[in-house]
C-alpha cells in the first residue's frame, strides 16, 4: 500500500529498493569473442593506416610548393592577373593557405602546400620589383607599377 505525501509508512518494507544489479556480462563467451574480434580489427586498421600514410616527405612537399609557384605564374599571365587591384597569386595564396589551416578536409594540406607556393611566387615578384626601384605597395600588380 502506497503512502501519500507527508504520511508515515506503517510497514517495514521499503517503498522502492531500486533496480536489481545485473550480472556482469564480461565473463560470457560471446563477449570474449566480440572483444577478440574488435582487437583484431583495430590491429588491422592500424596496419592499413600505416601503409596508406603520406610518405612523400620533404621531396613531395618541395614539389607541391614549386607546382603552386608554377600555377601562380600561369594564373598571373591570364586576363585575371589581378582581382580588384589585388594580384591573383596573392589572393589565391592567402585564401588557400587559410583554407588549409582551418579546414579538416582531406585535401586541406595539399591546398595549403600549393597556396604557399603561390605566396612564394608573389613574394619573389614583389621583392624583385622593390629591388629594381619599383613601388613598395604590396597590393599593386607589376603591370600597374610599370604603367604608372
Protein backbone atom coordinates (compact mmCIF):
# COMPACT_ATOMS: atom_id res chain seq x y z
CA UNK A 1 0.00 0.00 0.00
CA UNK A 2 1.39 3.33 -1.04
CA UNK A 3 1.62 6.30 1.28
CA UNK A 4 0.54 9.77 0.44
CA UNK A 5 2.92 12.65 0.71
CA UNK A 6 3.63 13.57 4.30
CA UNK A 7 2.28 10.33 5.83
CA UNK A 8 4.32 7.80 7.78
CA UNK A 9 4.92 4.29 6.48
CA UNK A 10 3.36 1.62 8.63
CA UNK A 11 5.13 -1.43 7.15
CA UNK A 12 8.81 -2.21 7.44
CA UNK A 13 9.18 -2.83 3.72
CA UNK A 14 10.95 -0.08 1.78
CA UNK A 15 8.93 1.68 -0.89
CA UNK A 16 11.48 1.22 -3.69
CA UNK A 17 14.53 -0.93 -3.43
CA UNK A 18 15.99 0.13 -6.77
CA UNK A 19 16.78 -1.96 -9.77
CA UNK A 20 18.49 -5.25 -9.28
CA UNK A 21 22.14 -5.36 -10.11
CA UNK A 22 22.77 -7.00 -13.42
CA UNK A 23 25.13 -9.87 -13.78
CA UNK A 24 28.45 -8.91 -15.32
CA UNK A 25 28.42 -9.90 -18.97
CA UNK A 26 32.18 -9.64 -19.47
CA UNK A 27 32.65 -13.27 -18.49
CA UNK A 28 30.39 -14.65 -21.21
CA UNK A 29 31.99 -16.45 -24.18
CA UNK A 30 30.11 -14.27 -26.67
CA UNK A 31 31.57 -11.12 -25.12
CA UNK A 32 35.07 -12.57 -25.22
CA UNK A 33 34.65 -13.44 -28.91
CA UNK A 34 33.48 -9.93 -29.71
CA UNK A 35 36.34 -8.42 -27.75
CA UNK A 36 38.89 -10.56 -29.63
CA UNK A 37 37.30 -9.61 -32.96
CA UNK A 38 37.43 -5.94 -32.00
CA UNK A 39 41.13 -6.16 -31.12
CA UNK A 40 41.89 -7.91 -34.44
CA UNK A 41 40.03 -5.25 -36.42
CA UNK A 42 41.82 -2.45 -34.58
CA UNK A 43 45.17 -4.06 -35.31
CA UNK A 44 44.25 -4.46 -38.98
CA UNK A 45 43.14 -0.85 -39.12
CA UNK A 46 46.45 0.37 -37.62
CA UNK A 47 48.48 -1.64 -40.15
CA UNK A 48 46.37 -0.36 -43.06
CA UNK A 49 46.71 3.21 -41.80
CA UNK A 50 50.50 2.87 -41.69
CA UNK A 51 50.56 1.59 -45.28
CA UNK A 52 48.42 4.44 -46.62
CA UNK A 53 50.15 7.19 -44.64
CA UNK A 54 51.64 10.01 -46.71
CA UNK A 55 55.25 9.09 -47.38
CA UNK A 56 56.12 11.92 -49.76
CA UNK A 57 58.30 13.64 -47.19
CA UNK A 58 60.37 16.72 -48.00
CA UNK A 59 60.69 15.93 -51.70
CA UNK A 60 56.92 15.75 -52.12
CA UNK A 61 56.47 18.97 -50.16
CA UNK A 62 59.05 20.76 -52.31
CA UNK A 63 57.34 19.53 -55.48
CA UNK A 64 53.99 20.69 -54.15
CA UNK A 65 55.28 24.18 -53.34
CA UNK A 66 57.04 24.53 -56.69
CA UNK A 67 53.91 23.44 -58.54
CA UNK A 68 51.98 26.11 -56.61
CA UNK A 69 54.50 28.66 -57.87
CA UNK A 70 54.04 27.39 -61.42
CA UNK A 71 50.27 27.67 -61.11
CA UNK A 72 50.67 31.22 -59.79
CA UNK A 73 52.87 32.08 -62.77
CA UNK A 74 50.32 30.69 -65.18
CA UNK A 75 47.43 32.48 -63.49
CA UNK A 76 49.36 35.76 -63.46
CA UNK A 77 49.69 35.75 -67.24
CA UNK A 78 45.97 35.31 -67.92
CA UNK A 79 43.33 38.01 -68.05
CA UNK A 80 42.85 37.50 -64.30
CA UNK A 81 46.27 38.90 -63.35
CA UNK A 82 44.60 40.91 -60.62
CA UNK A 83 41.21 40.91 -58.97
CA UNK A 84 40.05 44.30 -57.68
CA UNK A 85 43.63 45.52 -57.79
CA UNK A 86 44.99 42.62 -55.74
CA UNK A 87 47.39 40.25 -57.55
CA UNK A 88 45.74 36.87 -58.16
CA UNK A 89 48.66 34.80 -56.78
CA UNK A 90 48.45 36.76 -53.52
CA UNK A 91 44.68 36.40 -53.34
CA UNK A 92 44.69 32.67 -54.11
CA UNK A 93 47.68 32.07 -51.85
CA UNK A 94 46.11 33.71 -48.82
CA UNK A 95 42.71 32.08 -49.41
CA UNK A 96 44.18 28.61 -49.98
CA UNK A 97 46.55 28.80 -47.03
CA UNK A 98 43.73 29.93 -44.75
CA UNK A 99 41.54 27.09 -46.01
CA UNK A 100 44.34 24.58 -45.49
CA UNK A 101 45.00 25.73 -41.94
CA UNK A 102 41.42 25.89 -40.71
CA UNK A 103 39.80 23.05 -42.66
CA UNK A 104 39.52 19.37 -41.85
CA UNK A 105 39.01 18.37 -45.49
CA UNK A 106 41.03 15.53 -46.99
CA UNK A 107 42.94 17.77 -49.38
CA UNK A 108 43.49 20.65 -46.94
CA UNK A 109 47.22 20.01 -46.54
CA UNK A 110 47.74 19.83 -50.32
CA UNK A 111 45.79 23.06 -50.84
CA UNK A 112 47.89 24.78 -48.17
CA UNK A 113 51.05 23.49 -49.83
CA UNK A 114 50.06 24.74 -53.28
CA UNK A 115 48.98 28.07 -51.81
CA UNK A 116 52.29 28.54 -50.07
CA UNK A 117 53.94 28.14 -53.49
CA UNK A 118 51.65 30.85 -54.85
CA UNK A 119 52.56 33.13 -51.96
CA UNK A 120 56.25 32.42 -52.52
CA UNK A 121 55.95 33.35 -56.19
CA UNK A 122 54.15 36.59 -55.34
CA UNK A 123 56.74 37.41 -52.65
CA UNK A 124 59.54 36.81 -55.16
CA UNK A 125 57.91 39.08 -57.72
CA UNK A 126 57.32 41.75 -55.06
CA UNK A 127 60.90 41.60 -53.82
CA UNK A 128 62.20 41.86 -57.40
CA UNK A 129 60.02 44.90 -58.05
CA UNK A 130 61.18 46.64 -54.87
CA UNK A 131 64.84 45.87 -55.56
CA UNK A 132 64.54 47.30 -59.08
CA UNK A 133 63.26 50.58 -57.64
CA UNK A 134 59.56 49.98 -58.13
CA UNK A 135 56.68 50.83 -55.83
CA UNK A 136 56.61 49.41 -52.33
CA UNK A 137 52.84 48.98 -52.46
CA UNK A 138 52.43 45.22 -51.92
CA UNK A 139 48.94 45.15 -53.41
CA UNK A 140 49.85 46.74 -56.73
CA UNK A 141 50.35 44.42 -59.66
CA UNK A 142 53.56 44.53 -61.64
CA UNK A 143 51.84 45.79 -64.79
CA UNK A 144 50.29 48.71 -62.90
CA UNK A 145 53.63 49.72 -61.43
CA UNK A 146 55.33 49.84 -64.83
CA UNK A 147 52.45 51.78 -66.35
CA UNK A 148 52.41 54.36 -63.51
